[in-house]
Amino acid sequence: AAPSELVASGKSPSTIYLGWTDTYGEDGYYGERFDGAAWQQVGQTGMDGTLFVDEGLAPSTTNRYRVKAHNTAGTSDPSDEDLQERLAEHLQGAECPDAPR
């Protein structure tokens, strides 16, 4: 099943935290960012991982994110997307409850 309840949040102008609800039977997750032309894998987690950090991003930009679960049977459909805007002085977006503070 596709991961659910994806939330992207930022704590600095160059870092985004992705959090989501764990699905049953996965071996891990792939985090993806849309680069304007295609979805690119930007990281992965192990089994039951529900947090990924995307670092080294340019400030004052907007990124779209999604997550896919994977196991030996294949890769799930993607989660719903979440947008995150990073501004030089102010961060906008929903708070990720599992993000380090």
N, C-alpha and C. Protein backbone atom coordinates (compact mmCIF):
# COMPACT_ATOMS: atom_id res chain seq x y z
N ALA A 1 0.84 -1.19 0.00
CA ALA A 1 0.00 0.00 0.00
C ALA A 1 0.87 1.24 0.00
N ALA A 2 0.34 2.30 -0.56
CA ALA A 2 1.07 3.57 -0.60
C ALA A 2 1.15 4.17 0.80
N PRO A 3 2.26 4.80 1.14
CA PRO A 3 2.35 5.51 2.41
C PRO A 3 1.30 6.62 2.46
N SER A 4 0.90 7.00 3.66
CA SER A 4 -0.13 8.03 3.79
C SER A 4 0.32 9.12 4.74
N GLU A 5 -0.43 10.21 4.71
CA GLU A 5 -0.23 11.33 5.62
C GLU A 5 1.17 11.93 5.53
N LEU A 6 1.67 12.09 4.31
CA LEU A 6 2.98 12.70 4.11
C LEU A 6 2.94 14.17 4.53
N VAL A 7 3.92 14.57 5.31
CA VAL A 7 4.06 15.96 5.74
C VAL A 7 5.51 16.36 5.53
N ALA A 8 5.72 17.49 4.86
CA ALA A 8 7.05 18.05 4.69
C ALA A 8 7.15 19.30 5.54
N SER A 9 8.23 19.43 6.28
CA SER A 9 8.44 20.63 7.09
C SER A 9 9.90 21.00 7.07
N GLY A 10 10.18 22.25 7.37
CA GLY A 10 11.56 22.72 7.35
C GLY A 10 11.96 23.35 8.66
N LYS A 11 13.20 23.17 9.03
CA LYS A 11 13.76 23.79 10.23
C LYS A 11 14.89 24.74 9.88
N SER A 12 15.32 24.74 8.62
CA SER A 12 16.33 25.69 8.16
C SER A 12 16.05 25.95 6.69
N PRO A 13 16.65 26.99 6.12
CA PRO A 13 16.41 27.28 4.70
C PRO A 13 16.90 26.20 3.74
N SER A 14 17.75 25.28 4.21
CA SER A 14 18.32 24.28 3.30
C SER A 14 17.97 22.84 3.65
N THR A 15 17.05 22.62 4.60
CA THR A 15 16.72 21.26 5.05
C THR A 15 15.21 21.07 5.12
N ILE A 16 14.75 19.92 4.62
CA ILE A 16 13.33 19.54 4.71
C ILE A 16 13.24 18.18 5.38
N TYR A 17 12.30 18.06 6.31
CA TYR A 17 12.00 16.79 6.96
C TYR A 17 10.72 16.24 6.36
N LEU A 18 10.74 14.98 5.94
CA LEU A 18 9.55 14.31 5.45
C LEU A 18 9.13 13.27 6.48
N GLY A 19 7.88 13.28 6.85
CA GLY A 19 7.32 12.29 7.77
C GLY A 19 6.05 11.71 7.18
N TRP A 20 5.75 10.44 7.47
CA TRP A 20 4.57 9.79 6.94
C TRP A 20 4.16 8.66 7.86
N THR A 21 3.00 8.08 7.57
CA THR A 21 2.48 6.95 8.35
C THR A 21 3.01 5.65 7.77
N ASP A 22 3.51 4.79 8.64
CA ASP A 22 4.07 3.50 8.25
C ASP A 22 2.99 2.61 7.64
N THR A 23 3.36 1.84 6.62
CA THR A 23 2.46 0.84 6.04
C THR A 23 2.92 -0.55 6.45
N TYR A 24 2.02 -1.50 6.38
CA TYR A 24 2.33 -2.87 6.78
C TYR A 24 3.02 -3.61 5.63
N GLY A 25 4.07 -4.36 5.94
CA GLY A 25 4.69 -5.26 4.98
C GLY A 25 5.76 -4.66 4.10
N GLU A 26 6.18 -3.45 4.39
CA GLU A 26 7.22 -2.84 3.56
C GLU A 26 8.60 -3.20 4.08
N ASP A 27 9.58 -3.14 3.19
CA ASP A 27 10.99 -3.33 3.57
C ASP A 27 11.69 -1.98 3.74
N GLY A 28 11.04 -0.92 3.29
CA GLY A 28 11.60 0.42 3.39
C GLY A 28 10.83 1.37 2.51
N TYR A 29 11.35 2.60 2.41
CA TYR A 29 10.68 3.66 1.66
C TYR A 29 11.70 4.42 0.81
N TYR A 30 11.22 4.95 -0.31
CA TYR A 30 11.99 5.85 -1.15
C TYR A 30 11.37 7.23 -1.05
N GLY A 31 12.18 8.25 -0.76
CA GLY A 31 11.73 9.63 -0.79
C GLY A 31 12.07 10.23 -2.14
N GLU A 32 11.13 10.95 -2.73
CA GLU A 32 11.35 11.53 -4.05
C GLU A 32 11.02 13.02 -4.04
N ARG A 33 11.78 13.78 -4.84
CA ARG A 33 11.56 15.22 -5.03
C ARG A 33 11.37 15.47 -6.52
N PHE A 34 10.42 16.32 -6.86
CA PHE A 34 10.18 16.67 -8.26
C PHE A 34 11.14 17.78 -8.64
N ASP A 35 11.93 17.58 -9.70
CA ASP A 35 12.94 18.56 -10.09
C ASP A 35 12.47 19.52 -11.17
N GLY A 36 11.19 19.51 -11.45
CA GLY A 36 10.64 20.37 -12.50
C GLY A 36 10.37 19.63 -13.79
N ALA A 37 11.02 18.49 -13.97
CA ALA A 37 10.83 17.67 -15.18
C ALA A 37 10.46 16.24 -14.84
N ALA A 38 11.01 15.71 -13.74
CA ALA A 38 10.77 14.31 -13.38
C ALA A 38 10.96 14.14 -11.87
N TRP A 39 10.45 13.02 -11.34
CA TRP A 39 10.67 12.67 -9.94
C TRP A 39 12.03 12.03 -9.78
N GLN A 40 12.80 12.50 -8.81
CA GLN A 40 14.14 11.96 -8.54
C GLN A 40 14.17 11.39 -7.12
N GLN A 41 14.73 10.20 -6.98
CA GLN A 41 14.89 9.63 -5.64
C GLN A 41 15.97 10.43 -4.92
N VAL A 42 15.63 10.92 -3.72
CA VAL A 42 16.59 11.73 -2.95
C VAL A 42 16.98 11.05 -1.65
N GLY A 43 16.43 9.86 -1.39
CA GLY A 43 16.82 9.12 -0.20
C GLY A 43 15.95 7.91 0.01
N GLN A 44 16.32 7.14 1.03
CA GLN A 44 15.53 5.97 1.37
C GLN A 44 15.70 5.67 2.85
N THR A 45 14.76 4.89 3.38
CA THR A 45 14.83 4.45 4.76
C THR A 45 14.73 2.94 4.80
N GLY A 46 15.01 2.37 5.94
CA GLY A 46 14.83 0.95 6.15
C GLY A 46 13.40 0.64 6.59
N MET A 47 13.18 -0.61 6.96
CA MET A 47 11.87 -1.05 7.40
C MET A 47 11.37 -0.20 8.57
N ASP A 48 10.11 0.18 8.51
CA ASP A 48 9.42 0.96 9.54
C ASP A 48 9.95 2.38 9.68
N GLY A 49 10.83 2.81 8.80
CA GLY A 49 11.31 4.19 8.84
C GLY A 49 10.22 5.14 8.38
N THR A 50 9.96 6.18 9.14
CA THR A 50 8.92 7.12 8.77
C THR A 50 9.42 8.56 8.78
N LEU A 51 10.72 8.76 8.68
CA LEU A 51 11.29 10.09 8.64
C LEU A 51 12.50 10.09 7.72
N PHE A 52 12.56 11.09 6.85
CA PHE A 52 13.69 11.27 5.96
C PHE A 52 14.06 12.75 5.95
N VAL A 53 15.34 13.06 5.90
CA VAL A 53 15.80 14.44 5.86
C VAL A 53 16.45 14.71 4.51
N ASP A 54 15.97 15.74 3.81
CA ASP A 54 16.54 16.18 2.54
C ASP A 54 17.33 17.45 2.82
N GLU A 55 18.66 17.39 2.67
CA GLU A 55 19.54 18.50 3.05
C GLU A 55 20.25 19.09 1.84
N GLY A 56 20.84 20.26 2.05
CA GLY A 56 21.62 20.90 1.01
C GLY A 56 20.79 21.55 -0.07
N LEU A 57 19.57 21.96 0.27
CA LEU A 57 18.66 22.55 -0.71
C LEU A 57 18.88 24.04 -0.83
N ALA A 58 18.57 24.59 -1.98
CA ALA A 58 18.68 26.04 -2.18
C ALA A 58 17.54 26.75 -1.46
N PRO A 59 17.84 27.84 -0.74
CA PRO A 59 16.78 28.60 -0.09
C PRO A 59 15.90 29.32 -1.12
N SER A 60 14.76 29.80 -0.67
CA SER A 60 13.83 30.58 -1.50
C SER A 60 13.32 29.79 -2.69
N THR A 61 13.07 28.50 -2.50
CA THR A 61 12.51 27.66 -3.55
C THR A 61 11.36 26.84 -2.99
N THR A 62 10.58 26.26 -3.89
CA THR A 62 9.48 25.37 -3.51
C THR A 62 9.76 24.00 -4.10
N ASN A 63 9.60 22.96 -3.30
CA ASN A 63 9.79 21.59 -3.78
C ASN A 63 8.55 20.77 -3.52
N ARG A 64 8.31 19.81 -4.42
CA ARG A 64 7.24 18.83 -4.24
C ARG A 64 7.89 17.52 -3.84
N TYR A 65 7.26 16.83 -2.88
CA TYR A 65 7.78 15.56 -2.38
C TYR A 65 6.70 14.49 -2.41
N ARG A 66 7.15 13.24 -2.49
CA ARG A 66 6.28 12.08 -2.31
C ARG A 66 7.13 10.93 -1.82
N VAL A 67 6.48 9.87 -1.34
CA VAL A 67 7.18 8.71 -0.78
C VAL A 67 6.55 7.44 -1.36
N LYS A 68 7.37 6.44 -1.62
CA LYS A 68 6.90 5.12 -2.07
C LYS A 68 7.43 4.06 -1.12
N ALA A 69 6.61 3.06 -0.81
CA ALA A 69 7.04 1.90 -0.03
C ALA A 69 7.57 0.85 -1.00
N HIS A 70 8.49 0.00 -0.52
CA HIS A 70 8.97 -1.09 -1.37
C HIS A 70 9.17 -2.34 -0.52
N ASN A 71 9.06 -3.49 -1.20
CA ASN A 71 9.36 -4.80 -0.61
C ASN A 71 9.73 -5.75 -1.74
N THR A 72 9.84 -7.03 -1.45
CA THR A 72 10.27 -7.99 -2.47
C THR A 72 9.28 -8.12 -3.62
N ALA A 73 8.02 -7.73 -3.39
CA ALA A 73 7.01 -7.80 -4.45
C ALA A 73 7.06 -6.60 -5.39
N GLY A 74 7.77 -5.53 -5.00
CA GLY A 74 7.87 -4.36 -5.87
C GLY A 74 7.73 -3.06 -5.09
N THR A 75 7.35 -2.03 -5.80
CA THR A 75 7.24 -0.69 -5.24
C THR A 75 5.78 -0.25 -5.28
N SER A 76 5.33 0.41 -4.21
CA SER A 76 3.94 0.85 -4.12
C SER A 76 3.68 2.05 -5.01
N ASP A 77 2.41 2.38 -5.14
CA ASP A 77 2.05 3.66 -5.73
C ASP A 77 2.60 4.74 -4.81
N PRO A 78 2.80 5.95 -5.33
CA PRO A 78 3.32 7.01 -4.47
C PRO A 78 2.28 7.53 -3.49
N SER A 79 2.76 8.10 -2.41
CA SER A 79 1.89 8.80 -1.47
C SER A 79 1.33 10.03 -2.16
N ASP A 80 0.41 10.71 -1.49
CA ASP A 80 0.02 12.03 -1.95
C ASP A 80 1.26 12.92 -1.86
N GLU A 81 1.27 13.98 -2.64
CA GLU A 81 2.40 14.90 -2.64
C GLU A 81 2.25 15.94 -1.54
N ASP A 82 3.37 16.52 -1.13
CA ASP A 82 3.36 17.66 -0.23
C ASP A 82 4.34 18.68 -0.76
N LEU A 83 3.96 19.94 -0.64
CA LEU A 83 4.82 21.05 -1.06
C LEU A 83 5.52 21.62 0.14
N GLN A 84 6.72 22.12 -0.07
CA GLN A 84 7.42 22.83 1.00
C GLN A 84 8.10 24.04 0.39
N GLU A 85 7.79 25.20 0.94
CA GLU A 85 8.45 26.43 0.51
C GLU A 85 9.51 26.79 1.53
N ARG A 86 10.71 27.08 1.05
CA ARG A 86 11.77 27.53 1.95
C ARG A 86 12.11 28.95 1.58
N LEU A 87 11.93 29.84 2.51
CA LEU A 87 12.29 31.23 2.31
C LEU A 87 13.53 31.53 3.13
N ALA A 88 14.28 32.50 2.74
CA ALA A 88 15.54 32.78 3.40
C ALA A 88 15.38 33.03 4.90
N GLU A 89 14.33 33.73 5.32
CA GLU A 89 14.18 34.08 6.73
C GLU A 89 13.04 33.33 7.41
N HIS A 90 12.09 32.82 6.64
CA HIS A 90 10.89 32.24 7.22
C HIS A 90 10.56 30.94 6.52
N LEU A 91 10.19 29.93 7.27
CA LEU A 91 9.85 28.63 6.71
C LEU A 91 8.34 28.46 6.74
N GLN A 92 7.78 27.98 5.63
CA GLN A 92 6.35 27.76 5.56
C GLN A 92 6.09 26.28 5.34
N GLY A 93 4.96 25.79 5.86
CA GLY A 93 4.59 24.39 5.66
C GLY A 93 4.16 23.78 6.97
N ALA A 94 3.53 22.64 6.89
CA ALA A 94 3.06 21.96 8.09
C ALA A 94 4.24 21.44 8.89
N GLU A 95 4.07 21.35 10.18
CA GLU A 95 5.11 20.82 11.06
C GLU A 95 5.12 19.30 10.99
N CYS A 96 6.26 18.72 10.92
CA CYS A 96 6.43 17.27 10.96
C CYS A 96 6.61 16.87 12.42
N PRO A 97 5.68 16.12 12.99
CA PRO A 97 5.76 15.85 14.42
C PRO A 97 7.00 15.09 14.86
N ASP A 98 7.64 14.33 13.96
CA ASP A 98 8.81 13.55 14.34
C ASP A 98 10.13 14.26 14.05
N ALA A 99 10.06 15.48 13.51
CA ALA A 99 11.29 16.20 13.16
C ALA A 99 12.05 16.60 14.40
N PRO A 100 13.36 16.43 14.38
CA PRO A 100 14.17 16.86 15.51
C PRO A 100 14.01 18.36 15.74
N ARG A 101 14.01 18.77 16.98
CA ARG A 101 13.82 20.20 17.29
C ARG A 101 15.09 20.80 17.83
